[in-house]
Amino acid sequence: MKRFLEFYNPEKTYYYPNNKLATPELDYPIVNSGLKMVIETDEDGIYMYTVPTTLKILAGRNEVDITGLSDEEVLHAIQDKMNEPLPAPEPSAEDRIAAALEYQNLLSM
């Protein structure tokens, strides 16, 4: 599932995933601090899925270098990092042992 980020806009109406009207000003007083807050939304920007977070904290969590980038560029870099596919898992010890035993059986034929 693709994840979408946007800056919190106090003039926009958001909904929680349970279709309840979101009131971040009451639930999360930090949105009234004047800091640029970032939220995760759906594709249309209607449903609010995460707690409002500052851009710097979100960049730190996702290990994105923000030096020399504008706020919009940082937001897009974080969103791209969040939407990267997960790396292929390393084979476990049991998988490696099973493969070695299969190879050994093939050689003994």
N, C-alpha and C. Protein backbone atom coordinates (compact mmCIF):
# COMPACT_ATOMS: atom_id res chain seq x y z
N MET A 1 0.84 -1.18 0.00
CA MET A 1 0.00 0.00 0.00
C MET A 1 0.89 1.24 0.00
N LYS A 2 0.64 2.11 -0.93
CA LYS A 2 1.42 3.33 -1.03
C LYS A 2 1.03 4.28 0.10
N ARG A 3 2.03 4.95 0.66
CA ARG A 3 1.79 5.88 1.76
C ARG A 3 1.94 7.30 1.25
N PHE A 4 1.06 8.19 1.69
CA PHE A 4 1.06 9.58 1.26
C PHE A 4 1.27 10.49 2.46
N LEU A 5 2.14 11.48 2.30
CA LEU A 5 2.40 12.45 3.35
C LEU A 5 1.98 13.83 2.88
N GLU A 6 1.54 14.64 3.81
CA GLU A 6 1.25 16.04 3.48
C GLU A 6 1.42 16.87 4.74
N PHE A 7 1.62 18.16 4.54
CA PHE A 7 1.70 19.06 5.68
C PHE A 7 0.29 19.25 6.23
N TYR A 8 0.19 19.27 7.56
CA TYR A 8 -1.11 19.46 8.19
C TYR A 8 -1.64 20.83 7.85
N ASN A 9 -2.89 20.90 7.41
CA ASN A 9 -3.55 22.15 7.06
C ASN A 9 -4.73 22.33 8.01
N PRO A 10 -4.68 23.33 8.92
CA PRO A 10 -5.76 23.48 9.90
C PRO A 10 -7.09 23.91 9.28
N GLU A 11 -7.07 24.38 8.04
CA GLU A 11 -8.31 24.81 7.39
C GLU A 11 -8.98 23.68 6.62
N LYS A 12 -8.35 22.52 6.60
CA LYS A 12 -8.87 21.37 5.88
C LYS A 12 -9.54 20.42 6.87
N THR A 13 -10.59 19.73 6.43
CA THR A 13 -11.29 18.77 7.27
C THR A 13 -10.71 17.38 7.03
N TYR A 14 -10.30 16.74 8.11
CA TYR A 14 -9.76 15.39 8.03
C TYR A 14 -10.68 14.45 8.81
N TYR A 15 -10.61 13.17 8.46
CA TYR A 15 -11.36 12.14 9.16
C TYR A 15 -10.39 11.06 9.62
N TYR A 16 -10.70 10.45 10.77
CA TYR A 16 -9.95 9.29 11.21
C TYR A 16 -10.43 8.08 10.41
N PRO A 17 -9.66 6.98 10.38
CA PRO A 17 -10.08 5.81 9.60
C PRO A 17 -11.44 5.24 10.00
N ASN A 18 -11.92 5.52 11.21
CA ASN A 18 -13.23 5.02 11.62
C ASN A 18 -14.35 5.97 11.22
N ASN A 19 -14.06 6.91 10.32
CA ASN A 19 -15.00 7.91 9.78
C ASN A 19 -15.44 8.94 10.81
N LYS A 20 -14.76 9.03 11.92
CA LYS A 20 -15.03 10.06 12.91
C LYS A 20 -14.29 11.33 12.49
N LEU A 21 -14.93 12.46 12.65
CA LEU A 21 -14.31 13.73 12.29
C LEU A 21 -13.07 13.95 13.14
N ALA A 22 -11.95 14.21 12.49
CA ALA A 22 -10.69 14.42 13.20
C ALA A 22 -10.64 15.83 13.76
N THR A 23 -10.24 15.93 15.02
CA THR A 23 -10.08 17.24 15.66
C THR A 23 -8.67 17.32 16.23
N PRO A 24 -7.67 17.43 15.36
CA PRO A 24 -6.29 17.44 15.84
C PRO A 24 -5.98 18.60 16.79
N GLU A 25 -6.69 19.71 16.64
CA GLU A 25 -6.44 20.84 17.54
C GLU A 25 -6.74 20.45 18.99
N LEU A 26 -7.73 19.59 19.18
CA LEU A 26 -8.09 19.14 20.53
C LEU A 26 -7.29 17.90 20.93
N ASP A 27 -7.13 16.96 20.00
CA ASP A 27 -6.44 15.72 20.31
C ASP A 27 -4.92 15.89 20.37
N TYR A 28 -4.37 16.75 19.56
CA TYR A 28 -2.92 16.96 19.48
C TYR A 28 -2.64 18.47 19.53
N PRO A 29 -2.50 19.04 20.72
CA PRO A 29 -2.32 20.49 20.83
C PRO A 29 -1.06 21.03 20.14
N ILE A 30 -0.12 20.15 19.80
CA ILE A 30 1.11 20.63 19.16
C ILE A 30 0.85 21.24 17.79
N VAL A 31 -0.27 20.90 17.15
CA VAL A 31 -0.55 21.49 15.84
C VAL A 31 -0.79 22.99 15.93
N ASN A 32 -1.09 23.48 17.13
CA ASN A 32 -1.29 24.92 17.32
C ASN A 32 0.00 25.64 17.68
N SER A 33 1.14 24.93 17.67
CA SER A 33 2.41 25.52 18.08
C SER A 33 3.05 26.39 17.01
N GLY A 34 2.58 26.29 15.79
CA GLY A 34 3.17 27.06 14.70
C GLY A 34 4.22 26.28 13.92
N LEU A 35 4.58 25.08 14.39
CA LEU A 35 5.53 24.23 13.67
C LEU A 35 4.83 23.61 12.47
N LYS A 36 5.61 23.33 11.42
CA LYS A 36 5.05 22.62 10.28
C LYS A 36 4.92 21.15 10.65
N MET A 37 3.70 20.68 10.69
CA MET A 37 3.43 19.30 11.07
C MET A 37 3.11 18.46 9.84
N VAL A 38 3.54 17.21 9.86
CA VAL A 38 3.33 16.29 8.75
C VAL A 38 2.40 15.17 9.23
N ILE A 39 1.45 14.79 8.37
CA ILE A 39 0.57 13.67 8.67
C ILE A 39 0.56 12.70 7.49
N GLU A 40 0.23 11.46 7.78
CA GLU A 40 0.07 10.46 6.72
C GLU A 40 -1.41 10.40 6.39
N THR A 41 -1.73 10.50 5.11
CA THR A 41 -3.12 10.51 4.67
C THR A 41 -3.35 9.47 3.58
N ASP A 42 -4.59 9.39 3.14
CA ASP A 42 -4.90 8.54 2.00
C ASP A 42 -4.57 9.32 0.73
N GLU A 43 -4.82 8.71 -0.41
CA GLU A 43 -4.48 9.32 -1.69
C GLU A 43 -5.18 10.66 -1.91
N ASP A 44 -6.40 10.78 -1.42
CA ASP A 44 -7.17 12.01 -1.61
C ASP A 44 -6.90 13.04 -0.53
N GLY A 45 -6.17 12.67 0.53
CA GLY A 45 -5.87 13.59 1.60
C GLY A 45 -7.05 13.85 2.52
N ILE A 46 -7.96 12.89 2.64
CA ILE A 46 -9.15 13.06 3.47
C ILE A 46 -8.97 12.39 4.83
N TYR A 47 -8.46 11.16 4.84
CA TYR A 47 -8.30 10.42 6.08
C TYR A 47 -6.92 10.64 6.67
N MET A 48 -6.86 10.86 7.97
CA MET A 48 -5.62 11.11 8.68
C MET A 48 -5.24 9.84 9.42
N TYR A 49 -4.08 9.24 9.07
CA TYR A 49 -3.70 7.95 9.64
C TYR A 49 -2.68 8.03 10.76
N THR A 50 -1.94 9.12 10.89
CA THR A 50 -0.91 9.20 11.92
C THR A 50 -1.05 10.46 12.76
N VAL A 51 -0.38 10.44 13.87
CA VAL A 51 -0.30 11.61 14.74
C VAL A 51 0.54 12.67 14.04
N PRO A 52 0.16 13.93 14.10
CA PRO A 52 1.00 14.97 13.49
C PRO A 52 2.41 14.97 14.07
N THR A 53 3.39 14.98 13.20
CA THR A 53 4.79 14.91 13.59
C THR A 53 5.56 16.01 12.88
N THR A 54 6.63 16.50 13.50
CA THR A 54 7.44 17.51 12.83
C THR A 54 8.25 16.86 11.72
N LEU A 55 8.62 17.66 10.76
CA LEU A 55 9.36 17.18 9.59
C LEU A 55 10.72 16.62 9.99
N LYS A 56 11.38 17.26 10.93
CA LYS A 56 12.71 16.84 11.35
C LYS A 56 12.67 15.48 12.04
N ILE A 57 11.69 15.27 12.89
CA ILE A 57 11.57 13.98 13.57
C ILE A 57 11.27 12.86 12.56
N LEU A 58 10.38 13.14 11.63
CA LEU A 58 10.03 12.15 10.61
C LEU A 58 11.23 11.82 9.72
N ALA A 59 12.03 12.82 9.39
CA ALA A 59 13.23 12.59 8.59
C ALA A 59 14.23 11.74 9.35
N GLY A 60 14.37 11.98 10.65
CA GLY A 60 15.27 11.18 11.47
C GLY A 60 14.83 9.73 11.57
N ARG A 61 13.55 9.50 11.73
CA ARG A 61 13.02 8.13 11.81
C ARG A 61 13.26 7.35 10.53
N ASN A 62 13.20 8.04 9.40
CA ASN A 62 13.35 7.36 8.11
C ASN A 62 14.74 7.50 7.53
N GLU A 63 15.67 8.06 8.31
CA GLU A 63 17.07 8.20 7.92
C GLU A 63 17.23 8.93 6.59
N VAL A 64 16.60 10.10 6.49
CA VAL A 64 16.69 10.92 5.29
C VAL A 64 17.54 12.14 5.62
N ASP A 65 18.54 12.42 4.79
CA ASP A 65 19.40 13.58 4.99
C ASP A 65 18.67 14.82 4.48
N ILE A 66 18.48 15.81 5.35
CA ILE A 66 17.67 16.98 5.00
C ILE A 66 18.51 18.23 4.75
N THR A 67 19.82 18.12 4.78
CA THR A 67 20.66 19.30 4.61
C THR A 67 20.51 19.86 3.20
N GLY A 68 20.22 21.15 3.14
CA GLY A 68 20.14 21.85 1.86
C GLY A 68 18.86 21.62 1.08
N LEU A 69 17.89 20.95 1.65
CA LEU A 69 16.64 20.68 0.93
C LEU A 69 15.52 21.58 1.48
N SER A 70 14.60 21.94 0.61
CA SER A 70 13.43 22.70 1.05
C SER A 70 12.46 21.75 1.75
N ASP A 71 11.47 22.30 2.42
CA ASP A 71 10.50 21.47 3.14
C ASP A 71 9.77 20.51 2.21
N GLU A 72 9.37 21.00 1.04
CA GLU A 72 8.66 20.13 0.08
C GLU A 72 9.57 19.00 -0.41
N GLU A 73 10.85 19.31 -0.67
CA GLU A 73 11.78 18.29 -1.13
C GLU A 73 12.00 17.23 -0.05
N VAL A 74 12.10 17.68 1.20
CA VAL A 74 12.27 16.74 2.31
C VAL A 74 11.04 15.85 2.43
N LEU A 75 9.86 16.44 2.31
CA LEU A 75 8.62 15.67 2.39
C LEU A 75 8.57 14.59 1.30
N HIS A 76 8.97 14.95 0.08
CA HIS A 76 8.96 13.97 -1.02
C HIS A 76 10.04 12.91 -0.82
N ALA A 77 11.20 13.30 -0.27
CA ALA A 77 12.26 12.33 -0.02
C ALA A 77 11.83 11.31 1.04
N ILE A 78 11.16 11.79 2.09
CA ILE A 78 10.66 10.89 3.13
C ILE A 78 9.59 9.96 2.56
N GLN A 79 8.69 10.50 1.77
CA GLN A 79 7.62 9.69 1.17
C GLN A 79 8.22 8.63 0.25
N ASP A 80 9.23 8.99 -0.54
CA ASP A 80 9.88 8.01 -1.41
C ASP A 80 10.54 6.91 -0.59
N LYS A 81 11.20 7.31 0.52
CA LYS A 81 11.87 6.33 1.38
C LYS A 81 10.85 5.39 2.02
N MET A 82 9.71 5.92 2.44
CA MET A 82 8.67 5.09 3.06
C MET A 82 8.05 4.12 2.06
N ASN A 83 8.03 4.49 0.78
CA ASN A 83 7.39 3.65 -0.23
C ASN A 83 8.35 2.71 -0.95
N GLU A 84 9.63 2.69 -0.53
CA GLU A 84 10.58 1.76 -1.12
C GLU A 84 10.17 0.34 -0.77
N PRO A 85 10.37 -0.60 -1.70
CA PRO A 85 10.05 -1.99 -1.35
C PRO A 85 11.04 -2.51 -0.31
N LEU A 86 10.57 -3.43 0.53
CA LEU A 86 11.44 -4.00 1.56
C LEU A 86 12.50 -4.87 0.90
N PRO A 87 13.71 -4.90 1.48
CA PRO A 87 14.75 -5.76 0.90
C PRO A 87 14.40 -7.23 1.07
N ALA A 88 14.96 -8.05 0.19
CA ALA A 88 14.72 -9.49 0.27
C ALA A 88 15.33 -10.02 1.57
N PRO A 89 14.63 -10.87 2.28
CA PRO A 89 15.17 -11.38 3.54
C PRO A 89 16.37 -12.29 3.31
N GLU A 90 17.30 -12.25 4.24
CA GLU A 90 18.47 -13.13 4.19
C GLU A 90 18.01 -14.55 4.50
N PRO A 91 18.62 -15.56 3.86
CA PRO A 91 18.23 -16.93 4.19
C PRO A 91 18.62 -17.28 5.63
N SER A 92 17.77 -18.00 6.29
CA SER A 92 18.04 -18.38 7.68
C SER A 92 19.06 -19.51 7.73
N ALA A 93 19.54 -19.80 8.91
CA ALA A 93 20.51 -20.89 9.08
C ALA A 93 19.90 -22.22 8.64
N GLU A 94 18.62 -22.42 8.95
CA GLU A 94 17.96 -23.67 8.56
C GLU A 94 17.88 -23.80 7.03
N ASP A 95 17.62 -22.67 6.34
CA ASP A 95 17.56 -22.70 4.87
C ASP A 95 18.92 -23.04 4.28
N ARG A 96 19.98 -22.47 4.84
CA ARG A 96 21.33 -22.74 4.33
C ARG A 96 21.72 -24.20 4.57
N ILE A 97 21.38 -24.74 5.74
CA ILE A 97 21.70 -26.14 6.04
C ILE A 97 20.93 -27.07 5.10
N ALA A 98 19.64 -26.78 4.88
CA ALA A 98 18.82 -27.61 3.99
C ALA A 98 19.38 -27.58 2.57
N ALA A 99 19.79 -26.41 2.11
CA ALA A 99 20.36 -26.31 0.76
C ALA A 99 21.67 -27.09 0.66
N ALA A 100 22.49 -27.02 1.70
CA ALA A 100 23.76 -27.77 1.69
C ALA A 100 23.51 -29.26 1.69
N LEU A 101 22.53 -29.72 2.46
CA LEU A 101 22.22 -31.15 2.48
C LEU A 101 21.65 -31.62 1.14
N GLU A 102 20.82 -30.82 0.50
CA GLU A 102 20.31 -31.17 -0.83
C GLU A 102 21.44 -31.25 -1.83
N TYR A 103 22.36 -30.33 -1.76
CA TYR A 103 23.51 -30.32 -2.68
C TYR A 103 24.36 -31.58 -2.43
N GLN A 104 24.57 -31.89 -1.16
CA GLN A 104 25.36 -33.08 -0.83
C GLN A 104 24.68 -34.34 -1.36
N ASN A 105 23.37 -34.43 -1.26
CA ASN A 105 22.63 -35.58 -1.80
C ASN A 105 22.77 -35.68 -3.31
N LEU A 106 22.74 -34.53 -3.99
CA LEU A 106 22.88 -34.53 -5.45
C LEU A 106 24.28 -35.03 -5.84
N LEU A 107 25.28 -34.63 -5.09
CA LEU A 107 26.64 -35.05 -5.42
C LEU A 107 26.86 -36.55 -5.19
N SER A 108 26.13 -37.11 -4.24
CA SER A 108 26.32 -38.53 -3.93
C SER A 108 25.59 -39.44 -4.90
N MET A 109 24.77 -38.92 -5.80
CA MET A 109 24.03 -39.74 -6.75
C MET A 109 24.91 -40.24 -7.86
